[in-house]
Amino acid sequence: MTLALDEATSREVKAHPEIKWSEVARQAIQRKVRELHALDAAFANSTLSEDDIQELADDINKNMLSRFRSSQRKP
């Protein structure tokens, strides 16, 4: 597997050769696979369509943005 990194990230990786970056990537991929399995199990019997899920995600994002903006206005 080959990973494409932007220039800034590539510089950071090269600045820390003591880190086993392939291990970091392996662990991140494994974590994501576990998350996907959990989501698959959670929604295996769901009757939601892709559009329903996208609408819910959009609503959550709007709500979170509103909360973030509100918290930024407080002293």
N, C-alpha and C. Protein backbone atom coordinates (compact mmCIF):
# COMPACT_ATOMS: atom_id res chain seq x y z
N MET A 1 0.84 -1.17 0.00
CA MET A 1 0.00 0.00 0.00
C MET A 1 0.89 1.23 0.00
N THR A 2 0.51 2.19 -0.78
CA THR A 2 1.23 3.46 -0.83
C THR A 2 0.30 4.56 -0.34
N LEU A 3 0.82 5.43 0.50
CA LEU A 3 0.04 6.55 1.00
C LEU A 3 0.56 7.84 0.39
N ALA A 4 -0.35 8.68 -0.02
CA ALA A 4 0.02 10.00 -0.54
C ALA A 4 -0.15 11.01 0.59
N LEU A 5 0.90 11.75 0.87
CA LEU A 5 0.87 12.77 1.91
C LEU A 5 1.09 14.13 1.29
N ASP A 6 0.43 15.13 1.86
CA ASP A 6 0.70 16.49 1.39
C ASP A 6 2.11 16.87 1.87
N GLU A 7 2.63 17.92 1.30
CA GLU A 7 4.02 18.31 1.55
C GLU A 7 4.30 18.58 3.02
N ALA A 8 3.38 19.29 3.69
CA ALA A 8 3.60 19.63 5.10
C ALA A 8 3.64 18.39 5.96
N THR A 9 2.74 17.47 5.72
CA THR A 9 2.72 16.23 6.50
C THR A 9 3.96 15.40 6.22
N SER A 10 4.36 15.35 4.98
CA SER A 10 5.55 14.61 4.60
C SER A 10 6.78 15.16 5.34
N ARG A 11 6.88 16.48 5.45
CA ARG A 11 8.00 17.09 6.18
C ARG A 11 7.98 16.67 7.65
N GLU A 12 6.78 16.67 8.25
CA GLU A 12 6.65 16.29 9.65
C GLU A 12 7.05 14.83 9.86
N VAL A 13 6.62 13.97 8.95
CA VAL A 13 6.98 12.55 9.04
C VAL A 13 8.49 12.38 8.94
N LYS A 14 9.09 13.04 7.98
CA LYS A 14 10.54 12.94 7.80
C LYS A 14 11.30 13.52 8.98
N ALA A 15 10.69 14.47 9.68
CA ALA A 15 11.35 15.10 10.83
C ALA A 15 11.37 14.17 12.05
N HIS A 16 10.60 13.08 11.97
CA HIS A 16 10.53 12.14 13.10
C HIS A 16 10.76 10.71 12.63
N PRO A 17 12.00 10.42 12.22
CA PRO A 17 12.29 9.07 11.73
C PRO A 17 12.25 8.01 12.83
N GLU A 18 12.22 8.43 14.07
CA GLU A 18 12.16 7.47 15.17
C GLU A 18 10.78 6.80 15.29
N ILE A 19 9.80 7.39 14.66
CA ILE A 19 8.44 6.86 14.68
C ILE A 19 8.29 5.80 13.59
N LYS A 20 7.68 4.69 13.94
CA LYS A 20 7.39 3.65 12.95
C LYS A 20 6.06 4.02 12.29
N TRP A 21 6.15 4.82 11.23
CA TRP A 21 4.96 5.37 10.59
C TRP A 21 4.07 4.29 9.99
N SER A 22 4.65 3.21 9.54
CA SER A 22 3.83 2.13 9.00
C SER A 22 2.97 1.52 10.11
N GLU A 23 3.50 1.49 11.32
CA GLU A 23 2.73 0.98 12.46
C GLU A 23 1.61 1.95 12.82
N VAL A 24 1.89 3.24 12.78
CA VAL A 24 0.87 4.25 13.03
C VAL A 24 -0.26 4.10 12.01
N ALA A 25 0.08 3.96 10.76
CA ALA A 25 -0.91 3.80 9.70
C ALA A 25 -1.69 2.50 9.88
N ARG A 26 -1.00 1.41 10.21
CA ARG A 26 -1.66 0.12 10.41
C ARG A 26 -2.69 0.20 11.52
N GLN A 27 -2.31 0.82 12.64
CA GLN A 27 -3.23 0.95 13.77
C GLN A 27 -4.43 1.83 13.41
N ALA A 28 -4.19 2.90 12.68
CA ALA A 28 -5.28 3.79 12.28
C ALA A 28 -6.25 3.06 11.35
N ILE A 29 -5.72 2.26 10.45
CA ILE A 29 -6.57 1.50 9.53
C ILE A 29 -7.37 0.45 10.30
N GLN A 30 -6.73 -0.23 11.23
CA GLN A 30 -7.43 -1.23 12.03
C GLN A 30 -8.55 -0.58 12.86
N ARG A 31 -8.26 0.58 13.43
CA ARG A 31 -9.27 1.30 14.22
C ARG A 31 -10.47 1.66 13.34
N LYS A 32 -10.20 2.13 12.13
CA LYS A 32 -11.28 2.51 11.22
C LYS A 32 -12.10 1.29 10.81
N VAL A 33 -11.44 0.16 10.58
CA VAL A 33 -12.15 -1.07 10.23
C VAL A 33 -13.07 -1.49 11.38
N ARG A 34 -12.59 -1.39 12.62
CA ARG A 34 -13.44 -1.72 13.78
C ARG A 34 -14.64 -0.79 13.84
N GLU A 35 -14.42 0.49 13.58
CA GLU A 35 -15.53 1.45 13.58
C GLU A 35 -16.56 1.09 12.51
N LEU A 36 -16.08 0.72 11.33
CA LEU A 36 -16.98 0.35 10.24
C LEU A 36 -17.78 -0.91 10.59
N HIS A 37 -17.14 -1.88 11.22
CA HIS A 37 -17.85 -3.10 11.63
C HIS A 37 -18.94 -2.75 12.65
N ALA A 38 -18.61 -1.86 13.58
CA ALA A 38 -19.59 -1.46 14.60
C ALA A 38 -20.77 -0.74 13.95
N LEU A 39 -20.48 0.13 13.00
CA LEU A 39 -21.57 0.83 12.29
C LEU A 39 -22.41 -0.15 11.49
N ASP A 40 -21.76 -1.08 10.81
CA ASP A 40 -22.49 -2.09 10.05
C ASP A 40 -23.43 -2.88 10.96
N ALA A 41 -22.94 -3.26 12.12
CA ALA A 41 -23.75 -4.03 13.07
C ALA A 41 -24.90 -3.18 13.61
N ALA A 42 -24.61 -1.92 13.90
CA ALA A 42 -25.63 -1.04 14.47
C ALA A 42 -26.76 -0.77 13.49
N PHE A 43 -26.44 -0.71 12.22
CA PHE A 43 -27.45 -0.34 11.23
C PHE A 43 -27.87 -1.50 10.33
N ALA A 44 -27.51 -2.72 10.71
CA ALA A 44 -27.82 -3.89 9.88
C ALA A 44 -29.31 -4.03 9.63
N ASN A 45 -30.14 -3.72 10.60
CA ASN A 45 -31.59 -3.87 10.46
C ASN A 45 -32.30 -2.54 10.27
N SER A 46 -31.56 -1.52 9.94
CA SER A 46 -32.13 -0.19 9.77
C SER A 46 -32.96 -0.10 8.49
N THR A 47 -34.02 0.68 8.58
CA THR A 47 -34.85 0.92 7.39
C THR A 47 -34.55 2.29 6.78
N LEU A 48 -33.52 2.95 7.31
CA LEU A 48 -33.15 4.27 6.78
C LEU A 48 -32.51 4.11 5.40
N SER A 49 -32.86 5.04 4.52
CA SER A 49 -32.22 5.06 3.20
C SER A 49 -30.95 5.90 3.29
N GLU A 50 -30.15 5.85 2.24
CA GLU A 50 -28.94 6.69 2.20
C GLU A 50 -29.31 8.16 2.31
N ASP A 51 -30.41 8.56 1.66
CA ASP A 51 -30.86 9.96 1.73
C ASP A 51 -31.27 10.33 3.15
N ASP A 52 -31.95 9.41 3.85
CA ASP A 52 -32.33 9.66 5.25
C ASP A 52 -31.09 9.88 6.11
N ILE A 53 -30.11 9.03 5.91
CA ILE A 53 -28.87 9.12 6.69
C ILE A 53 -28.16 10.43 6.39
N GLN A 54 -28.10 10.82 5.13
CA GLN A 54 -27.45 12.07 4.77
C GLN A 54 -28.17 13.26 5.37
N GLU A 55 -29.51 13.22 5.38
CA GLU A 55 -30.29 14.30 5.97
C GLU A 55 -30.02 14.41 7.46
N LEU A 56 -29.96 13.26 8.15
CA LEU A 56 -29.63 13.27 9.58
C LEU A 56 -28.23 13.82 9.82
N ALA A 57 -27.29 13.41 9.01
CA ALA A 57 -25.91 13.89 9.15
C ALA A 57 -25.84 15.40 8.93
N ASP A 58 -26.56 15.89 7.93
CA ASP A 58 -26.59 17.34 7.67
C ASP A 58 -27.18 18.10 8.85
N ASP A 59 -28.27 17.56 9.42
CA ASP A 59 -28.90 18.21 10.58
C ASP A 59 -27.94 18.24 11.77
N ILE A 60 -27.24 17.15 12.00
CA ILE A 60 -26.28 17.09 13.10
C ILE A 60 -25.16 18.10 12.88
N ASN A 61 -24.65 18.17 11.66
CA ASN A 61 -23.57 19.12 11.36
C ASN A 61 -24.03 20.56 11.57
N LYS A 62 -25.25 20.89 11.14
CA LYS A 62 -25.77 22.25 11.32
C LYS A 62 -25.90 22.57 12.80
N ASN A 63 -26.42 21.59 13.58
CA ASN A 63 -26.59 21.79 15.00
C ASN A 63 -25.24 21.99 15.69
N MET A 64 -24.27 21.19 15.33
CA MET A 64 -22.94 21.31 15.95
C MET A 64 -22.29 22.65 15.60
N LEU A 65 -22.46 23.08 14.35
CA LEU A 65 -21.90 24.38 13.94
C LEU A 65 -22.56 25.50 14.72
N SER A 66 -23.87 25.42 14.91
CA SER A 66 -24.59 26.43 15.68
C SER A 66 -24.10 26.48 17.11
N ARG A 67 -23.92 25.30 17.73
CA ARG A 67 -23.41 25.25 19.10
C ARG A 67 -22.00 25.83 19.18
N PHE A 68 -21.17 25.49 18.21
CA PHE A 68 -19.80 26.00 18.20
C PHE A 68 -19.80 27.52 18.10
N ARG A 69 -20.60 28.04 17.19
CA ARG A 69 -20.65 29.50 17.02
C ARG A 69 -21.17 30.19 18.28
N SER A 70 -22.16 29.58 18.92
CA SER A 70 -22.70 30.14 20.17
C SER A 70 -21.63 30.16 21.24
N SER A 71 -20.86 29.10 21.34
CA SER A 71 -19.83 29.03 22.38
C SER A 71 -18.71 30.03 22.11
N GLN A 72 -18.49 30.38 20.85
CA GLN A 72 -17.43 31.33 20.51
C GLN A 72 -17.83 32.76 20.87
N ARG A 73 -19.13 33.04 20.95
CA ARG A 73 -19.60 34.39 21.27
C ARG A 73 -19.56 34.69 22.76
N LYS A 74 -19.53 33.66 23.59
CA LYS A 74 -19.53 33.84 25.03
C LYS A 74 -18.16 34.30 25.50
N PRO A 75 -18.14 35.27 26.47
CA PRO A 75 -16.83 35.77 26.97
C PRO A 75 -16.09 34.78 27.79
